[in-house]
Amino acid sequence: MTKTRDRSDTRDRILDGLETLLLDKGMSQVTLENVAAEAGVSKGGLLYHFKSKDALLAGLIRRLGERADHQLKTAVDQGKSVAEWYLQTPHPDNETDALELALYRSMLAAMRTVDGPHATDEDETDRALSEVMDAWKAGLDSEIHDPIQAEIVRLVGDGVYLRALLGMPQVDPDTYQQVVARLLGR
């Protein structure tokens, strides 16, 4: 049991190191050596847990997905629907949302610069992102029985989040509330 926990703790430290580098220094400083140093492990120790930079970034995407799943569970426990959670607007002036947006921005940049196995149909970061997005889609599909309506909710939520990632002005809050109300049939 202790070895499993040690492996998990080491993986978390490595992913914490990656997050720190992405947020503090940007993608240009994300090397296996720098991540290992930030995490306090050897490069060999990092490679034991993540065989490549692509695998490391995929690990971070999966962890971000787990965080989002936890946020979703908390929202549902508080009486929100999956659709309401998906359609929420991140607020750049909120410290937690701002950190999340910065991390996602860095991840988007990272995903486009990874030297991964491009000979395959998709690399590990793409697979990880697909897994996360598919899980959210499944949640919307199970809640909204009209598949077209579920897809519209997903696309609107993705668009609102993309606006925030790009630093564009938010949609007028009153207008957006009306959009959400119409989408959810209220």
N, C-alpha and C. Protein backbone atom coordinates (compact mmCIF):
# COMPACT_ATOMS: atom_id res chain seq x y z
N MET A 1 0.82 -1.20 0.00
CA MET A 1 0.00 0.00 0.00
C MET A 1 0.86 1.26 0.00
N THR A 2 1.94 1.26 0.76
CA THR A 2 2.80 2.43 0.85
C THR A 2 3.43 2.74 -0.49
N LYS A 3 3.88 1.69 -1.23
CA LYS A 3 4.49 1.94 -2.53
C LYS A 3 3.51 2.58 -3.50
N THR A 4 2.26 2.13 -3.48
CA THR A 4 1.25 2.73 -4.35
C THR A 4 1.05 4.20 -3.99
N ARG A 5 0.97 4.49 -2.70
CA ARG A 5 0.80 5.88 -2.26
C ARG A 5 2.02 6.71 -2.64
N ASP A 6 3.24 6.15 -2.48
CA ASP A 6 4.45 6.87 -2.86
C ASP A 6 4.45 7.20 -4.35
N ARG A 7 4.03 6.22 -5.18
CA ARG A 7 3.95 6.47 -6.63
C ARG A 7 2.96 7.58 -6.93
N SER A 8 1.81 7.52 -6.27
CA SER A 8 0.78 8.53 -6.48
C SER A 8 1.27 9.90 -6.02
N ASP A 9 1.93 9.94 -4.86
CA ASP A 9 2.46 11.21 -4.36
C ASP A 9 3.51 11.78 -5.31
N THR A 10 4.37 10.90 -5.84
CA THR A 10 5.40 11.35 -6.77
C THR A 10 4.76 11.87 -8.06
N ARG A 11 3.77 11.15 -8.57
CA ARG A 11 3.06 11.61 -9.78
C ARG A 11 2.44 12.99 -9.53
N ASP A 12 1.82 13.16 -8.37
CA ASP A 12 1.21 14.44 -8.04
C ASP A 12 2.26 15.55 -7.94
N ARG A 13 3.39 15.25 -7.32
CA ARG A 13 4.46 16.24 -7.23
C ARG A 13 4.96 16.64 -8.61
N ILE A 14 5.08 15.66 -9.49
CA ILE A 14 5.53 15.95 -10.86
C ILE A 14 4.51 16.83 -11.57
N LEU A 15 3.22 16.49 -11.46
CA LEU A 15 2.19 17.30 -12.10
C LEU A 15 2.10 18.69 -11.46
N ASP A 16 2.31 18.77 -10.14
CA ASP A 16 2.36 20.08 -9.48
C ASP A 16 3.51 20.91 -10.04
N GLY A 17 4.65 20.26 -10.24
CA GLY A 17 5.81 20.96 -10.83
C GLY A 17 5.52 21.46 -12.22
N LEU A 18 4.85 20.64 -13.01
CA LEU A 18 4.47 21.05 -14.36
C LEU A 18 3.53 22.26 -14.30
N GLU A 19 2.52 22.19 -13.44
CA GLU A 19 1.60 23.32 -13.30
C GLU A 19 2.34 24.60 -12.92
N THR A 20 3.25 24.49 -11.95
CA THR A 20 4.01 25.66 -11.50
C THR A 20 4.80 26.26 -12.65
N LEU A 21 5.49 25.42 -13.40
CA LEU A 21 6.27 25.93 -14.54
C LEU A 21 5.38 26.58 -15.58
N LEU A 22 4.26 25.95 -15.91
CA LEU A 22 3.36 26.52 -16.90
C LEU A 22 2.85 27.89 -16.45
N LEU A 23 2.46 27.99 -15.19
CA LEU A 23 1.88 29.24 -14.70
C LEU A 23 2.93 30.32 -14.47
N ASP A 24 4.09 29.94 -13.93
CA ASP A 24 5.10 30.95 -13.57
C ASP A 24 6.03 31.32 -14.70
N LYS A 25 6.33 30.36 -15.58
CA LYS A 25 7.37 30.61 -16.57
C LYS A 25 6.92 30.38 -18.00
N GLY A 26 5.80 29.69 -18.19
CA GLY A 26 5.31 29.46 -19.54
C GLY A 26 5.85 28.19 -20.17
N MET A 27 5.28 27.85 -21.30
CA MET A 27 5.60 26.60 -21.98
C MET A 27 7.05 26.51 -22.39
N SER A 28 7.68 27.63 -22.68
CA SER A 28 9.07 27.59 -23.14
C SER A 28 10.00 26.98 -22.10
N GLN A 29 9.64 27.03 -20.83
CA GLN A 29 10.48 26.47 -19.77
C GLN A 29 10.07 25.06 -19.36
N VAL A 30 9.07 24.51 -20.03
CA VAL A 30 8.62 23.16 -19.69
C VAL A 30 9.47 22.16 -20.46
N THR A 31 10.48 21.69 -19.77
CA THR A 31 11.30 20.59 -20.27
C THR A 31 11.21 19.49 -19.22
N LEU A 32 11.53 18.27 -19.63
CA LEU A 32 11.51 17.18 -18.66
C LEU A 32 12.47 17.47 -17.50
N GLU A 33 13.62 18.05 -17.82
CA GLU A 33 14.60 18.37 -16.78
C GLU A 33 14.06 19.41 -15.82
N ASN A 34 13.45 20.47 -16.33
CA ASN A 34 12.91 21.53 -15.47
C ASN A 34 11.75 21.04 -14.62
N VAL A 35 10.89 20.22 -15.21
CA VAL A 35 9.76 19.68 -14.44
C VAL A 35 10.29 18.78 -13.32
N ALA A 36 11.26 17.94 -13.65
CA ALA A 36 11.84 17.05 -12.64
C ALA A 36 12.45 17.87 -11.50
N ALA A 37 13.20 18.90 -11.85
CA ALA A 37 13.82 19.75 -10.82
C ALA A 37 12.76 20.43 -9.97
N GLU A 38 11.73 20.95 -10.59
CA GLU A 38 10.65 21.63 -9.86
C GLU A 38 9.94 20.65 -8.91
N ALA A 39 9.83 19.39 -9.34
CA ALA A 39 9.13 18.38 -8.54
C ALA A 39 10.05 17.74 -7.50
N GLY A 40 11.36 17.97 -7.61
CA GLY A 40 12.29 17.37 -6.68
C GLY A 40 12.52 15.89 -6.93
N VAL A 41 12.47 15.50 -8.20
CA VAL A 41 12.75 14.11 -8.58
C VAL A 41 13.81 14.12 -9.67
N SER A 42 14.41 12.97 -9.90
CA SER A 42 15.37 12.86 -11.00
C SER A 42 14.61 12.79 -12.32
N LYS A 43 15.32 13.05 -13.41
CA LYS A 43 14.68 12.91 -14.72
C LYS A 43 14.24 11.46 -14.92
N GLY A 44 15.05 10.52 -14.45
CA GLY A 44 14.68 9.11 -14.54
C GLY A 44 13.42 8.81 -13.75
N GLY A 45 13.28 9.45 -12.59
CA GLY A 45 12.08 9.28 -11.77
C GLY A 45 10.85 9.82 -12.49
N LEU A 46 11.02 10.96 -13.15
CA LEU A 46 9.92 11.53 -13.92
C LEU A 46 9.55 10.57 -15.06
N LEU A 47 10.56 10.07 -15.76
CA LEU A 47 10.30 9.19 -16.90
C LEU A 47 9.70 7.85 -16.47
N TYR A 48 9.91 7.46 -15.22
CA TYR A 48 9.27 6.25 -14.71
C TYR A 48 7.75 6.43 -14.69
N HIS A 49 7.31 7.64 -14.36
CA HIS A 49 5.88 7.93 -14.25
C HIS A 49 5.27 8.43 -15.56
N PHE A 50 6.06 9.17 -16.33
CA PHE A 50 5.58 9.76 -17.59
C PHE A 50 6.68 9.54 -18.63
N LYS A 51 6.40 8.69 -19.62
CA LYS A 51 7.45 8.26 -20.56
C LYS A 51 7.91 9.34 -21.52
N SER A 52 7.16 10.44 -21.61
CA SER A 52 7.52 11.51 -22.53
C SER A 52 6.85 12.81 -22.09
N LYS A 53 7.23 13.87 -22.75
CA LYS A 53 6.59 15.16 -22.48
C LYS A 53 5.11 15.09 -22.83
N ASP A 54 4.79 14.41 -23.90
CA ASP A 54 3.40 14.22 -24.30
C ASP A 54 2.61 13.50 -23.21
N ALA A 55 3.18 12.44 -22.64
CA ALA A 55 2.51 11.70 -21.57
C ALA A 55 2.36 12.57 -20.33
N LEU A 56 3.34 13.40 -20.06
CA LEU A 56 3.28 14.32 -18.92
C LEU A 56 2.13 15.31 -19.09
N LEU A 57 2.02 15.89 -20.26
CA LEU A 57 0.94 16.85 -20.53
C LEU A 57 -0.42 16.15 -20.51
N ALA A 58 -0.47 14.93 -21.03
CA ALA A 58 -1.72 14.15 -20.98
C ALA A 58 -2.11 13.89 -19.53
N GLY A 59 -1.13 13.62 -18.68
CA GLY A 59 -1.41 13.42 -17.26
C GLY A 59 -2.01 14.66 -16.63
N LEU A 60 -1.51 15.82 -17.03
CA LEU A 60 -2.06 17.07 -16.49
C LEU A 60 -3.48 17.30 -16.99
N ILE A 61 -3.73 17.00 -18.25
CA ILE A 61 -5.09 17.14 -18.79
C ILE A 61 -6.05 16.25 -18.01
N ARG A 62 -5.63 15.02 -17.78
CA ARG A 62 -6.51 14.10 -17.02
C ARG A 62 -6.74 14.61 -15.60
N ARG A 63 -5.71 15.16 -14.99
CA ARG A 63 -5.89 15.70 -13.64
C ARG A 63 -6.81 16.91 -13.65
N LEU A 64 -6.69 17.76 -14.66
CA LEU A 64 -7.61 18.89 -14.78
C LEU A 64 -9.04 18.39 -14.97
N GLY A 65 -9.19 17.32 -15.73
CA GLY A 65 -10.51 16.70 -15.89
C GLY A 65 -11.06 16.19 -14.57
N GLU A 66 -10.19 15.60 -13.75
CA GLU A 66 -10.62 15.12 -12.43
C GLU A 66 -11.05 16.29 -11.55
N ARG A 67 -10.33 17.39 -11.62
CA ARG A 67 -10.73 18.59 -10.86
C ARG A 67 -12.10 19.09 -11.31
N ALA A 68 -12.29 19.12 -12.62
CA ALA A 68 -13.58 19.56 -13.15
C ALA A 68 -14.69 18.60 -12.72
N ASP A 69 -14.40 17.31 -12.73
CA ASP A 69 -15.39 16.33 -12.28
C ASP A 69 -15.77 16.58 -10.82
N HIS A 70 -14.78 16.92 -10.01
CA HIS A 70 -15.05 17.23 -8.60
C HIS A 70 -15.91 18.49 -8.49
N GLN A 71 -15.59 19.50 -9.30
CA GLN A 71 -16.39 20.73 -9.30
C GLN A 71 -17.83 20.42 -9.72
N LEU A 72 -17.97 19.57 -10.73
CA LEU A 72 -19.30 19.18 -11.19
C LEU A 72 -20.07 18.47 -10.09
N LYS A 73 -19.43 17.52 -9.43
CA LYS A 73 -20.09 16.78 -8.35
C LYS A 73 -20.54 17.74 -7.24
N THR A 74 -19.68 18.68 -6.89
CA THR A 74 -20.03 19.66 -5.86
C THR A 74 -21.23 20.49 -6.30
N ALA A 75 -21.23 20.93 -7.57
CA ALA A 75 -22.34 21.73 -8.09
C ALA A 75 -23.64 20.93 -8.07
N VAL A 76 -23.59 19.67 -8.49
CA VAL A 76 -24.78 18.82 -8.51
C VAL A 76 -25.27 18.57 -7.08
N ASP A 77 -24.33 18.35 -6.15
CA ASP A 77 -24.70 18.16 -4.75
C ASP A 77 -25.39 19.41 -4.17
N GLN A 78 -25.08 20.57 -4.75
CA GLN A 78 -25.69 21.82 -4.31
C GLN A 78 -26.97 22.15 -5.08
N GLY A 79 -27.42 21.21 -5.92
CA GLY A 79 -28.69 21.38 -6.61
C GLY A 79 -28.61 21.90 -8.03
N LYS A 80 -27.42 22.12 -8.57
CA LYS A 80 -27.30 22.55 -9.95
C LYS A 80 -27.40 21.34 -10.88
N SER A 81 -27.82 21.59 -12.09
CA SER A 81 -27.83 20.53 -13.10
C SER A 81 -26.46 20.47 -13.78
N VAL A 82 -26.20 19.38 -14.48
CA VAL A 82 -24.97 19.26 -15.26
C VAL A 82 -24.90 20.39 -16.28
N ALA A 83 -26.02 20.67 -16.93
CA ALA A 83 -26.07 21.73 -17.94
C ALA A 83 -25.75 23.09 -17.33
N GLU A 84 -26.31 23.38 -16.17
CA GLU A 84 -26.02 24.66 -15.51
C GLU A 84 -24.53 24.77 -15.21
N TRP A 85 -23.93 23.69 -14.72
CA TRP A 85 -22.50 23.71 -14.45
C TRP A 85 -21.72 23.94 -15.73
N TYR A 86 -22.11 23.24 -16.79
CA TYR A 86 -21.39 23.34 -18.06
C TYR A 86 -21.49 24.75 -18.65
N LEU A 87 -22.60 25.40 -18.40
CA LEU A 87 -22.82 26.73 -18.98
C LEU A 87 -22.32 27.87 -18.10
N GLN A 88 -21.72 27.56 -16.96
CA GLN A 88 -21.25 28.63 -16.09
C GLN A 88 -20.14 29.42 -16.78
N THR A 89 -20.04 30.66 -16.43
CA THR A 89 -19.04 31.54 -17.01
C THR A 89 -17.88 31.70 -16.03
N PRO A 90 -16.65 31.40 -16.47
CA PRO A 90 -15.52 31.65 -15.58
C PRO A 90 -15.30 33.16 -15.43
N HIS A 91 -14.94 33.57 -14.24
CA HIS A 91 -14.73 35.00 -13.96
C HIS A 91 -13.25 35.27 -13.75
N PRO A 92 -12.60 35.94 -14.71
CA PRO A 92 -11.16 36.20 -14.61
C PRO A 92 -10.78 37.01 -13.37
N ASP A 93 -11.73 37.74 -12.77
CA ASP A 93 -11.42 38.51 -11.57
C ASP A 93 -11.48 37.65 -10.30
N ASN A 94 -11.99 36.42 -10.42
CA ASN A 94 -12.00 35.47 -9.31
C ASN A 94 -10.66 34.73 -9.34
N GLU A 95 -9.95 34.70 -8.21
CA GLU A 95 -8.60 34.14 -8.17
C GLU A 95 -8.56 32.69 -8.65
N THR A 96 -9.49 31.86 -8.21
CA THR A 96 -9.51 30.46 -8.61
C THR A 96 -9.77 30.32 -10.10
N ASP A 97 -10.76 31.05 -10.62
CA ASP A 97 -11.06 31.00 -12.05
C ASP A 97 -9.88 31.53 -12.87
N ALA A 98 -9.25 32.61 -12.41
CA ALA A 98 -8.12 33.19 -13.13
C ALA A 98 -6.96 32.20 -13.23
N LEU A 99 -6.67 31.49 -12.12
CA LEU A 99 -5.61 30.47 -12.15
C LEU A 99 -5.96 29.35 -13.11
N GLU A 100 -7.22 28.91 -13.05
CA GLU A 100 -7.67 27.84 -13.95
C GLU A 100 -7.56 28.28 -15.41
N LEU A 101 -7.99 29.49 -15.71
CA LEU A 101 -7.91 29.99 -17.08
C LEU A 101 -6.46 30.07 -17.55
N ALA A 102 -5.57 30.55 -16.68
CA ALA A 102 -4.15 30.65 -17.05
C ALA A 102 -3.58 29.26 -17.33
N LEU A 103 -3.95 28.29 -16.50
CA LEU A 103 -3.45 26.94 -16.69
C LEU A 103 -3.99 26.34 -17.98
N TYR A 104 -5.27 26.51 -18.25
CA TYR A 104 -5.85 25.99 -19.49
C TYR A 104 -5.24 26.68 -20.71
N ARG A 105 -4.97 27.98 -20.62
CA ARG A 105 -4.34 28.70 -21.71
C ARG A 105 -2.96 28.10 -22.01
N SER A 106 -2.20 27.87 -20.94
CA SER A 106 -0.89 27.26 -21.11
C SER A 106 -0.99 25.86 -21.68
N MET A 107 -1.99 25.11 -21.23
CA MET A 107 -2.17 23.76 -21.73
C MET A 107 -2.51 23.77 -23.22
N LEU A 108 -3.35 24.70 -23.64
CA LEU A 108 -3.67 24.78 -25.07
C LEU A 108 -2.42 25.05 -25.89
N ALA A 109 -1.59 25.96 -25.40
CA ALA A 109 -0.34 26.25 -26.10
C ALA A 109 0.56 25.03 -26.11
N ALA A 110 0.63 24.36 -24.98
CA ALA A 110 1.49 23.18 -24.86
C ALA A 110 1.05 22.08 -25.81
N MET A 111 -0.23 21.86 -25.91
CA MET A 111 -0.74 20.77 -26.74
C MET A 111 -0.40 20.98 -28.21
N ARG A 112 -0.24 22.18 -28.63
CA ARG A 112 0.06 22.45 -30.03
C ARG A 112 1.55 22.45 -30.32
N THR A 113 2.39 22.34 -29.29
CA THR A 113 3.83 22.40 -29.51
C THR A 113 4.54 21.11 -29.16
N VAL A 114 3.83 20.10 -28.71
CA VAL A 114 4.46 18.86 -28.27
C VAL A 114 4.97 18.06 -29.46
N ASP A 115 6.19 17.59 -29.33
CA ASP A 115 6.73 16.68 -30.33
C ASP A 115 6.29 15.29 -29.95
N GLY A 116 5.13 14.91 -30.41
CA GLY A 116 4.55 13.62 -30.04
C GLY A 116 4.54 12.67 -31.21
N PRO A 117 3.95 11.52 -31.03
CA PRO A 117 3.89 10.49 -32.08
C PRO A 117 2.85 10.85 -33.14
N HIS A 118 3.20 11.77 -34.02
CA HIS A 118 2.23 12.27 -34.99
C HIS A 118 1.95 11.28 -36.12
N ALA A 119 2.64 10.16 -36.12
CA ALA A 119 2.35 9.15 -37.13
C ALA A 119 1.05 8.42 -36.83
N THR A 120 0.60 8.48 -35.57
CA THR A 120 -0.66 7.84 -35.20
C THR A 120 -1.80 8.82 -35.46
N ASP A 121 -3.03 8.31 -35.35
CA ASP A 121 -4.19 9.16 -35.60
C ASP A 121 -4.29 10.30 -34.61
N GLU A 122 -3.90 10.07 -33.36
CA GLU A 122 -3.91 11.13 -32.37
C GLU A 122 -2.87 10.82 -31.32
N ASP A 123 -2.30 11.87 -30.72
CA ASP A 123 -1.30 11.63 -29.70
C ASP A 123 -1.96 11.53 -28.33
N GLU A 124 -1.16 11.28 -27.31
CA GLU A 124 -1.70 11.03 -25.98
C GLU A 124 -2.42 12.24 -25.40
N THR A 125 -1.92 13.45 -25.67
CA THR A 125 -2.62 14.63 -25.16
C THR A 125 -3.99 14.76 -25.81
N ASP A 126 -4.07 14.47 -27.10
CA ASP A 126 -5.36 14.52 -27.78
C ASP A 126 -6.32 13.47 -27.21
N ARG A 127 -5.79 12.28 -26.95
CA ARG A 127 -6.63 11.23 -26.37
C ARG A 127 -7.13 11.63 -24.98
N ALA A 128 -6.23 12.21 -24.18
CA ALA A 128 -6.63 12.63 -22.83
C ALA A 128 -7.71 13.70 -22.89
N LEU A 129 -7.55 14.66 -23.78
CA LEU A 129 -8.55 15.71 -23.92
C LEU A 129 -9.87 15.12 -24.41
N SER A 130 -9.81 14.20 -25.35
CA SER A 130 -11.03 13.55 -25.83
C SER A 130 -11.74 12.80 -24.72
N GLU A 131 -10.97 12.11 -23.87
CA GLU A 131 -11.57 11.38 -22.74
C GLU A 131 -12.33 12.33 -21.81
N VAL A 132 -11.70 13.46 -21.49
CA VAL A 132 -12.32 14.43 -20.58
C VAL A 132 -13.58 15.00 -21.22
N MET A 133 -13.46 15.43 -22.46
CA MET A 133 -14.61 16.03 -23.15
C MET A 133 -15.74 15.02 -23.35
N ASP A 134 -15.39 13.77 -23.64
CA ASP A 134 -16.40 12.72 -23.81
C ASP A 134 -17.16 12.46 -22.51
N ALA A 135 -16.45 12.52 -21.38
CA ALA A 135 -17.11 12.32 -20.09
C ALA A 135 -18.12 13.44 -19.83
N TRP A 136 -17.74 14.67 -20.14
CA TRP A 136 -18.67 15.79 -19.95
C TRP A 136 -19.86 15.65 -20.89
N LYS A 137 -19.59 15.25 -22.12
CA LYS A 137 -20.67 15.06 -23.10
C LYS A 137 -21.64 13.99 -22.60
N ALA A 138 -21.10 12.91 -22.05
CA ALA A 138 -21.95 11.83 -21.53
C ALA A 138 -22.84 12.34 -20.41
N GLY A 139 -22.31 13.20 -19.55
CA GLY A 139 -23.12 13.78 -18.48
C GLY A 139 -24.25 14.63 -19.01
N LEU A 140 -23.95 15.44 -20.02
CA LEU A 140 -25.00 16.26 -20.63
C LEU A 140 -26.03 15.37 -21.34
N ASP A 141 -25.55 14.35 -22.06
CA ASP A 141 -26.46 13.46 -22.79
C ASP A 141 -27.39 12.69 -21.85
N SER A 142 -26.88 12.34 -20.67
CA SER A 142 -27.73 11.60 -19.73
C SER A 142 -28.77 12.51 -19.07
N GLU A 143 -28.47 13.79 -19.00
CA GLU A 143 -29.40 14.73 -18.37
C GLU A 143 -30.40 15.33 -19.37
N ILE A 144 -29.93 15.59 -20.57
CA ILE A 144 -30.77 16.21 -21.61
C ILE A 144 -31.07 15.13 -22.64
N HIS A 145 -32.33 14.73 -22.70
CA HIS A 145 -32.69 13.57 -23.52
C HIS A 145 -32.73 13.88 -25.02
N ASP A 146 -32.82 15.13 -25.40
CA ASP A 146 -32.76 15.51 -26.80
C ASP A 146 -31.28 15.69 -27.17
N PRO A 147 -30.71 14.81 -28.01
CA PRO A 147 -29.28 14.89 -28.30
C PRO A 147 -28.87 16.19 -28.98
N ILE A 148 -29.75 16.78 -29.76
CA ILE A 148 -29.43 18.06 -30.41
C ILE A 148 -29.36 19.17 -29.35
N GLN A 149 -30.30 19.18 -28.44
CA GLN A 149 -30.29 20.17 -27.37
C GLN A 149 -29.03 20.01 -26.50
N ALA A 150 -28.67 18.78 -26.20
CA ALA A 150 -27.46 18.52 -25.41
C ALA A 150 -26.22 19.04 -26.14
N GLU A 151 -26.18 18.84 -27.44
CA GLU A 151 -25.04 19.32 -28.23
C GLU A 151 -25.01 20.85 -28.27
N ILE A 152 -26.16 21.48 -28.39
CA ILE A 152 -26.21 22.96 -28.37
C ILE A 152 -25.69 23.48 -27.03
N VAL A 153 -26.11 22.87 -25.93
CA VAL A 153 -25.62 23.29 -24.60
C VAL A 153 -24.11 23.14 -24.55
N ARG A 154 -23.60 22.01 -25.03
CA ARG A 154 -22.15 21.77 -25.01
C ARG A 154 -21.41 22.83 -25.83
N LEU A 155 -21.91 23.10 -27.01
CA LEU A 155 -21.24 24.08 -27.88
C LEU A 155 -21.28 25.49 -27.29
N VAL A 156 -22.40 25.87 -26.70
CA VAL A 156 -22.49 27.20 -26.07
C VAL A 156 -21.52 27.27 -24.89
N GLY A 157 -21.51 26.23 -24.05
CA GLY A 157 -20.59 26.21 -22.91
C GLY A 157 -19.14 26.28 -23.36
N ASP A 158 -18.79 25.52 -24.39
CA ASP A 158 -17.43 25.56 -24.92
C ASP A 158 -17.08 26.96 -25.44
N GLY A 159 -18.03 27.58 -26.13
CA GLY A 159 -17.79 28.91 -26.68
C GLY A 159 -17.59 29.96 -25.60
N VAL A 160 -18.38 29.89 -24.56
CA VAL A 160 -18.26 30.85 -23.46
C VAL A 160 -16.91 30.67 -22.77
N TYR A 161 -16.51 29.43 -22.58
CA TYR A 161 -15.22 29.17 -21.95
C TYR A 161 -14.07 29.63 -22.85
N LEU A 162 -14.20 29.39 -24.16
CA LEU A 162 -13.17 29.83 -25.09
C LEU A 162 -13.03 31.35 -25.07
N ARG A 163 -14.13 32.07 -25.00
CA ARG A 163 -14.07 33.53 -24.90
C ARG A 163 -13.24 33.94 -23.68
N ALA A 164 -13.48 33.26 -22.56
CA ALA A 164 -12.73 33.58 -21.35
C ALA A 164 -11.25 33.24 -21.53
N LEU A 165 -10.95 32.10 -22.16
CA LEU A 165 -9.56 31.70 -22.38
C LEU A 165 -8.83 32.71 -23.25
N LEU A 166 -9.53 33.26 -24.22
CA LEU A 166 -8.92 34.23 -25.13
C LEU A 166 -8.87 35.64 -24.54
N GLY A 167 -9.45 35.81 -23.35
CA GLY A 167 -9.44 37.12 -22.71
C GLY A 167 -10.43 38.09 -23.33
N MET A 168 -11.40 37.58 -24.06
CA MET A 168 -12.41 38.44 -24.68
C MET A 168 -13.40 38.88 -23.61
N PRO A 169 -14.07 40.01 -23.84
CA PRO A 169 -15.07 40.45 -22.86
C PRO A 169 -16.18 39.41 -22.71
N GLN A 170 -16.67 39.28 -21.48
CA GLN A 170 -17.77 38.35 -21.24
C GLN A 170 -19.04 38.88 -21.89
N VAL A 171 -19.91 37.95 -22.22
CA VAL A 171 -21.23 38.30 -22.70
C VAL A 171 -21.94 39.03 -21.57
N ASP A 172 -22.76 40.01 -21.90
CA ASP A 172 -23.52 40.73 -20.89
C ASP A 172 -24.21 39.71 -19.99
N PRO A 173 -24.00 39.79 -18.66
CA PRO A 173 -24.55 38.79 -17.75
C PRO A 173 -26.07 38.61 -17.85
N ASP A 174 -26.81 39.70 -18.00
CA ASP A 174 -28.27 39.57 -18.11
C ASP A 174 -28.65 38.84 -19.39
N THR A 175 -27.99 39.18 -20.48
CA THR A 175 -28.25 38.49 -21.75
C THR A 175 -27.89 37.02 -21.63
N TYR A 176 -26.75 36.74 -21.01
CA TYR A 176 -26.32 35.35 -20.89
C TYR A 176 -27.30 34.55 -20.02
N GLN A 177 -27.81 35.16 -18.97
CA GLN A 177 -28.81 34.46 -18.15
C GLN A 177 -30.02 34.10 -18.99
N GLN A 178 -30.42 34.99 -19.90
CA GLN A 178 -31.55 34.71 -20.78
C GLN A 178 -31.22 33.57 -21.74
N VAL A 179 -29.97 33.55 -22.24
CA VAL A 179 -29.53 32.47 -23.13
C VAL A 179 -29.62 31.13 -22.38
N VAL A 180 -29.09 31.09 -21.18
CA VAL A 180 -29.11 29.86 -20.38
C VAL A 180 -30.54 29.44 -20.10
N ALA A 181 -31.37 30.39 -19.73
CA ALA A 181 -32.78 30.07 -19.43
C ALA A 181 -33.47 29.48 -20.66
N ARG A 182 -33.22 30.05 -21.81
CA ARG A 182 -33.84 29.52 -23.03
C ARG A 182 -33.30 28.13 -23.37
N LEU A 183 -31.99 27.97 -23.24
CA LEU A 183 -31.39 26.66 -23.52
C LEU A 183 -31.93 25.57 -22.61
N LEU A 184 -32.19 25.93 -21.36
CA LEU A 184 -32.65 24.95 -20.38
C LEU A 184 -34.16 24.92 -20.25
N GLY A 185 -34.84 25.65 -21.13
CA GLY A 185 -36.31 25.60 -21.15
C GLY A 185 -36.97 26.20 -19.93
N ARG A 186 -36.43 27.28 -19.43
CA ARG A 186 -36.99 27.93 -18.23
C ARG A 186 -37.75 29.17 -18.58
